[in-house]
Amino acid sequence: MTSTFEVASKFKDVINEINWEKITSPVMETDDQINDYGDYAVVDNFLQFPDEFVEALSKCPADFLDIVAKQTHAEIGKFPYGAKDPGVHQLLVPHYLVPMLFGFYKACIDCEFIPADLNTNLEGEGMKRFLNNLPGYCSTVANLMYPGCVNSVGQNVPTFDRWDYSAVLFLNDAPDSTFNLYDLEWEGKYYANAEDLMEEKGEVLEQIAGWLNDNATAKEESEEYKRYTEGKPGDHFIQTRSVEVVKNRLVILKGNQFRLTNYSGNGELYQLQIGMNDIPKPKEMDGNEFRNDEVYS
């Protein structure tokens, strides 16, 4: 008969206990490491221990959707279960990644994406409360793209995020791939983000929405991943910025900007996708308004 101790020890032996606080600690101590380009920013050598972080991610499970997508694509040429982005996805617990998320938040303040008066969240008792709440406003998903991966038709084109602030941390070098920002051009007018589009009204907005629905939203049909190329007949996206995919490079931008990690299809591209919503100001500060984003409705 197996003893209780023997059963318990078997569980203890297979559970991976990872020092997340150490391996997610950013190098960034000052804003000197931030290359601020106005509508986006780049931080190189972001993590202190990037190799240990990647090793830890390899021990985290992924969902099964990528395998299902390859099977249904081979059988019926469709993915009938919603939008499928290219590659394997690992949903990570944001509470494990607090040092990294705090570094991202601080960089957003240094770049003036977030108001400087929220520096109160970076010191003293305010910071302790803030760190406890920060994971609740964030999303962290690792994504591995590889040759031959499958996606829903319309899921390899520029899009914007549902989060107020976004970041991508590249976990390996992918010299042939780039992270790009885009404008949407319509009848000679350029829109850099979703807010620009919402300023339009009437027929123009209906036309743009119709084109986006036909060309930049997920369809039930699936396809083997193809690198996005602009300039095709009828295309309205114009590339405005391009960033090389370099290991341990963090790219920061606002969530409403049109963007795309334009994977070349050569080798692998491993990235961490971070989303963060506006965080309520401390009660003692004036203007304690918080926009109730649909994510929390």
Protein backbone atom coordinates (compact mmCIF):
# COMPACT_ATOMS: atom_id res chain seq x y z
CA MET A 1 0.00 0.00 0.00
CA THR A 2 1.35 3.41 -0.97
CA SER A 3 1.81 5.79 1.92
CA THR A 4 0.45 9.34 1.94
CA PHE A 5 3.99 10.66 2.06
CA GLU A 6 5.01 8.71 -1.07
CA VAL A 7 2.01 10.04 -3.02
CA ALA A 8 2.70 13.59 -1.91
CA SER A 9 6.37 13.32 -2.79
CA LYS A 10 5.54 12.27 -6.34
CA PHE A 11 3.52 15.46 -6.85
CA LYS A 12 6.31 17.54 -5.31
CA ASP A 13 8.85 16.04 -7.69
CA VAL A 14 6.94 16.94 -10.87
CA ILE A 15 5.79 20.47 -9.97
CA ASN A 16 8.07 23.12 -11.46
CA GLU A 17 8.86 25.74 -8.83
CA ILE A 18 10.21 28.79 -10.66
CA ASN A 19 11.69 31.98 -9.23
CA TRP A 20 9.51 34.24 -11.37
CA GLU A 21 10.45 37.35 -9.42
CA LYS A 22 14.09 36.89 -10.38
CA ILE A 23 13.73 35.88 -14.01
CA THR A 24 11.15 38.57 -14.88
CA SER A 25 13.19 41.42 -13.38
CA PRO A 26 13.99 44.14 -15.94
CA VAL A 27 17.40 45.73 -16.24
CA MET A 28 15.82 49.14 -16.66
CA GLU A 29 16.68 51.45 -13.76
CA THR A 30 16.40 54.79 -15.57
CA ASP A 31 14.81 56.07 -18.73
CA ASP A 32 18.26 56.19 -20.42
CA GLN A 33 17.61 52.75 -21.92
CA ILE A 34 14.40 53.82 -23.64
CA ASN A 35 14.50 54.85 -27.27
CA ASP A 36 11.37 56.97 -27.55
CA TYR A 37 10.11 57.55 -31.10
CA GLY A 38 6.90 59.34 -30.15
CA ASP A 39 4.23 56.88 -31.22
CA TYR A 40 6.23 53.88 -30.02
CA ALA A 41 9.31 53.12 -27.92
CA VAL A 42 12.00 50.44 -27.89
CA VAL A 43 13.89 49.08 -24.88
CA ASP A 44 16.81 46.78 -25.68
CA ASN A 45 18.20 44.24 -23.19
CA PHE A 46 15.00 44.55 -21.18
CA LEU A 47 15.27 41.49 -18.91
CA GLN A 48 18.22 40.68 -16.68
CA PHE A 49 17.86 36.93 -17.27
CA PRO A 50 16.28 36.39 -20.71
CA ASP A 51 17.59 32.84 -21.16
CA GLU A 52 16.23 31.72 -17.79
CA PHE A 53 12.90 33.33 -18.63
CA VAL A 54 12.66 31.42 -21.92
CA GLU A 55 13.61 28.19 -20.13
CA ALA A 56 10.80 28.78 -17.64
CA LEU A 57 8.32 29.40 -20.46
CA SER A 58 9.25 26.05 -21.99
CA LYS A 59 7.84 24.43 -18.83
CA CYS A 60 4.48 26.19 -19.16
CA PRO A 61 1.71 24.43 -21.10
CA ALA A 62 0.12 25.75 -24.27
CA ASP A 63 -3.47 25.31 -25.36
CA PHE A 64 -4.42 22.64 -27.92
CA LEU A 65 -5.84 24.98 -30.55
CA ASP A 66 -2.80 24.94 -32.82
CA ILE A 67 -3.00 21.17 -33.20
CA VAL A 68 -6.76 21.37 -33.78
CA ALA A 69 -6.26 24.12 -36.37
CA LYS A 70 -3.76 22.05 -38.35
CA GLN A 71 -6.11 19.06 -38.29
CA THR A 72 -9.23 20.96 -39.37
CA HIS A 73 -7.28 22.86 -42.02
CA ALA A 74 -6.04 19.58 -43.52
CA GLU A 75 -9.53 18.04 -43.40
CA ILE A 76 -11.90 20.87 -44.36
CA GLY A 77 -9.80 24.00 -44.92
CA LYS A 78 -11.52 25.78 -42.03
CA PHE A 79 -11.15 26.60 -38.35
CA PRO A 80 -14.78 26.71 -37.17
CA TYR A 81 -14.03 27.61 -33.53
CA GLY A 82 -13.38 31.37 -33.71
CA ALA A 83 -10.34 33.44 -34.66
CA LYS A 84 -7.04 31.55 -34.87
CA ASP A 85 -3.83 33.57 -34.77
CA PRO A 86 -0.75 31.92 -36.27
CA GLY A 87 1.32 29.69 -34.02
CA VAL A 88 1.24 28.18 -30.53
CA HIS A 89 -0.08 30.24 -27.61
CA GLN A 90 0.72 29.98 -23.91
CA LEU A 91 -1.57 31.88 -21.55
CA LEU A 92 0.64 33.02 -18.68
CA VAL A 93 -0.44 34.11 -15.21
CA PRO A 94 0.24 37.88 -14.97
CA HIS A 95 0.71 37.57 -11.20
CA TYR A 96 3.94 35.64 -11.90
CA LEU A 97 5.31 38.46 -14.06
CA VAL A 98 4.87 41.49 -11.79
CA PRO A 99 8.48 42.80 -12.03
CA MET A 100 8.26 42.73 -15.83
CA LEU A 101 4.83 44.38 -15.86
CA PHE A 102 6.06 47.06 -13.47
CA GLY A 103 8.98 47.75 -15.81
CA PHE A 104 6.53 48.06 -18.70
CA TYR A 105 4.35 50.44 -16.69
CA LYS A 106 7.32 52.60 -15.69
CA ALA A 107 8.45 52.77 -19.32
CA CYS A 108 4.96 53.95 -20.32
CA ILE A 109 5.29 56.82 -17.82
CA ASP A 110 8.80 57.68 -19.04
CA CYS A 111 7.44 57.81 -22.61
CA GLU A 112 4.49 59.92 -21.43
CA PHE A 113 1.99 57.34 -22.65
CA ILE A 114 0.72 57.38 -19.05
CA PRO A 115 0.41 60.72 -17.16
CA ALA A 116 3.46 61.57 -15.07
CA ASP A 117 1.28 62.31 -12.01
CA LEU A 118 0.87 58.56 -11.67
CA ASN A 119 4.47 58.41 -10.44
CA THR A 120 2.77 58.06 -7.07
CA ASN A 121 2.43 54.39 -8.01
CA LEU A 122 6.22 54.06 -8.11
CA GLU A 123 7.02 54.80 -4.49
CA GLY A 124 6.15 53.98 -0.89
CA GLU A 125 2.83 52.54 0.22
CA GLY A 126 1.25 53.55 -3.07
CA MET A 127 3.61 51.23 -4.92
CA LYS A 128 2.79 48.27 -2.66
CA ARG A 129 -0.92 48.66 -3.31
CA PHE A 130 -0.27 49.21 -6.98
CA LEU A 131 1.82 46.06 -7.40
CA ASN A 132 -0.91 43.98 -5.79
CA ASN A 133 -3.48 45.32 -8.25
CA LEU A 134 -1.35 45.56 -11.40
CA PRO A 135 -1.78 41.96 -12.67
CA GLY A 136 -5.55 42.38 -12.70
CA TYR A 137 -5.27 44.97 -15.45
CA CYS A 138 -2.86 43.00 -17.64
CA SER A 139 -2.71 40.12 -20.10
CA THR A 140 0.40 38.06 -20.88
CA VAL A 141 0.47 35.54 -23.72
CA ALA A 142 3.52 33.86 -25.25
CA ASN A 143 3.30 33.11 -28.96
CA LEU A 144 5.54 30.87 -31.06
CA MET A 145 5.28 31.18 -34.84
CA TYR A 146 6.96 28.50 -36.94
CA PRO A 147 7.11 27.46 -40.62
CA GLY A 148 3.84 25.97 -41.79
CA CYS A 149 1.69 27.20 -38.90
CA VAL A 150 -2.00 27.75 -39.63
CA ASN A 151 -4.21 30.78 -39.05
CA SER A 152 -7.71 31.96 -39.84
CA VAL A 153 -7.90 33.90 -43.09
CA GLY A 154 -7.59 37.57 -42.11
CA GLN A 155 -5.44 36.96 -39.02
CA ASN A 156 -2.09 37.82 -40.63
CA VAL A 157 -2.84 41.46 -41.39
CA PRO A 158 -2.37 44.69 -39.37
CA THR A 159 -4.81 45.21 -36.52
CA PHE A 160 -5.14 47.09 -33.24
CA ASP A 161 -5.33 45.74 -29.71
CA ARG A 162 -8.19 45.74 -27.22
CA TRP A 163 -5.85 46.98 -24.48
CA ASP A 164 -5.01 50.62 -23.73
CA TYR A 165 -1.26 49.91 -23.86
CA SER A 166 0.60 47.11 -25.59
CA ALA A 167 4.09 45.67 -25.63
CA VAL A 168 5.89 42.87 -27.42
CA LEU A 169 8.99 41.26 -25.92
CA PHE A 170 10.97 39.25 -28.44
CA LEU A 171 12.41 36.05 -26.97
CA ASN A 172 14.72 35.13 -29.85
CA ASP A 173 16.40 36.72 -32.85
CA ALA A 174 14.43 36.54 -36.10
CA PRO A 175 16.50 38.57 -38.57
CA ASP A 176 14.09 38.22 -41.51
CA SER A 177 11.04 39.30 -39.50
CA THR A 178 9.93 42.77 -38.38
CA PHE A 179 7.46 44.46 -36.07
CA ASN A 180 5.65 47.13 -38.08
CA LEU A 181 3.25 50.01 -37.52
CA TYR A 182 0.76 51.01 -40.20
CA ASP A 183 -1.60 53.76 -41.25
CA LEU A 184 -4.86 52.97 -42.95
CA GLU A 185 -5.26 55.12 -46.07
CA TRP A 186 -8.73 55.92 -47.40
CA GLU A 187 -9.35 58.35 -50.24
CA GLY A 188 -6.15 60.22 -49.51
CA LYS A 189 -6.65 60.47 -45.75
CA TYR A 190 -4.49 58.55 -43.29
CA TYR A 191 -5.60 56.96 -40.02
CA ALA A 192 -2.91 55.82 -37.56
CA ASN A 193 -5.21 54.22 -35.02
CA ALA A 194 -8.75 53.26 -34.12
CA GLU A 195 -9.46 56.63 -32.50
CA ASP A 196 -8.73 58.38 -35.79
CA LEU A 197 -11.29 56.16 -37.48
CA MET A 198 -13.94 56.95 -34.87
CA GLU A 199 -13.69 60.63 -35.78
CA GLU A 200 -15.22 59.81 -39.15
CA LYS A 201 -18.97 59.65 -39.58
CA GLY A 202 -21.60 58.54 -42.02
CA GLU A 203 -20.79 56.93 -45.35
CA VAL A 204 -17.00 57.14 -45.07
CA LEU A 205 -16.97 55.29 -41.76
CA GLU A 206 -19.35 52.68 -43.14
CA GLN A 207 -17.10 52.13 -46.15
CA ILE A 208 -13.97 51.75 -44.01
CA ALA A 209 -15.76 49.42 -41.58
CA GLY A 210 -16.97 47.31 -44.49
CA TRP A 211 -13.48 47.03 -45.95
CA LEU A 212 -11.98 46.09 -42.57
CA ASN A 213 -14.67 43.50 -42.03
CA ASP A 214 -13.96 41.93 -45.43
CA ASN A 215 -10.16 42.11 -45.29
CA ALA A 216 -8.91 42.44 -41.71
CA THR A 217 -11.11 40.23 -39.55
CA ALA A 218 -11.00 36.48 -39.02
CA LYS A 219 -12.91 34.24 -41.42
CA GLU A 220 -13.95 30.65 -40.88
CA GLU A 221 -11.63 29.58 -43.69
CA SER A 222 -8.07 28.77 -42.66
CA GLU A 223 -4.75 28.95 -44.45
CA GLU A 224 -1.10 28.16 -43.96
CA TYR A 225 0.57 31.31 -42.70
CA LYS A 226 1.81 33.75 -45.34
CA ARG A 227 3.88 36.84 -44.65
CA TYR A 228 1.87 40.02 -45.05
CA THR A 229 2.88 42.18 -48.02
CA GLU A 230 1.37 45.59 -48.56
CA GLY A 231 0.62 47.26 -51.85
CA LYS A 232 -1.64 44.59 -53.28
CA PRO A 233 -4.60 45.84 -55.35
CA GLY A 234 -7.31 47.08 -52.99
CA ASP A 235 -5.04 47.16 -49.93
CA HIS A 236 -5.31 50.28 -47.74
CA PHE A 237 -2.58 49.65 -45.14
CA ILE A 238 0.63 51.71 -45.45
CA GLN A 239 3.69 50.76 -43.36
CA THR A 240 5.01 53.72 -41.37
CA ARG A 241 7.49 52.18 -38.90
CA SER A 242 9.57 49.01 -38.78
CA VAL A 243 11.50 47.45 -35.89
CA GLU A 244 13.89 44.50 -36.21
CA VAL A 245 13.08 41.40 -34.17
CA VAL A 246 15.97 41.20 -31.69
CA LYS A 247 16.13 38.94 -28.64
CA ASN A 248 15.23 40.67 -25.36
CA ARG A 249 13.91 43.77 -27.16
CA LEU A 250 10.70 45.31 -25.81
CA VAL A 251 8.51 47.38 -28.14
CA ILE A 252 5.94 49.62 -26.44
CA LEU A 253 2.94 51.31 -28.07
CA LYS A 254 -0.63 52.35 -27.45
CA GLY A 255 -3.19 49.64 -27.97
CA ASN A 256 -5.22 51.46 -30.60
CA GLN A 257 -2.40 51.64 -33.18
CA PHE A 258 -2.38 49.43 -36.27
CA ARG A 259 0.48 46.94 -35.87
CA LEU A 260 1.72 43.54 -36.95
CA THR A 261 4.55 41.19 -36.06
CA ASN A 262 5.38 40.36 -39.68
CA TYR A 263 6.92 36.91 -39.34
CA SER A 264 9.00 35.91 -42.35
CA GLY A 265 8.10 32.22 -42.21
CA ASN A 266 11.77 31.28 -41.78
CA GLY A 267 12.90 29.62 -38.57
CA GLU A 268 10.90 30.38 -35.43
CA LEU A 269 9.73 33.62 -33.85
CA TYR A 270 8.98 33.51 -30.11
CA GLN A 271 7.41 36.57 -28.49
CA LEU A 272 5.57 37.63 -25.36
CA GLN A 273 2.50 39.76 -26.01
CA ILE A 274 1.60 42.11 -23.14
CA GLY A 275 -1.58 44.13 -22.76
CA MET A 276 -2.38 46.64 -20.02
CA ASN A 277 -5.45 48.79 -19.38
CA ASP A 278 -5.61 52.14 -17.63
CA ILE A 279 -5.23 51.69 -13.90
CA PRO A 280 -7.38 53.70 -11.46
CA LYS A 281 -5.68 56.62 -9.79
CA PRO A 282 -5.29 56.49 -6.00
CA LYS A 283 -8.35 57.91 -4.25
CA GLU A 284 -6.35 60.77 -2.77
CA MET A 285 -5.58 62.11 -6.25
CA ASP A 286 -7.84 64.48 -8.14
CA GLY A 287 -9.59 63.22 -11.25
CA ASN A 288 -10.04 59.66 -10.03
CA GLU A 289 -11.96 58.61 -13.13
CA PHE A 290 -11.54 55.21 -14.70
CA ARG A 291 -12.84 54.30 -18.11
CA ASN A 292 -14.79 51.04 -17.78
CA ASP A 293 -13.33 49.25 -20.77
CA GLU A 294 -15.39 46.49 -22.34
CA VAL A 295 -12.81 44.00 -21.13
CA TYR A 296 -14.28 44.36 -17.63
CA SER A 297 -17.93 44.72 -18.57
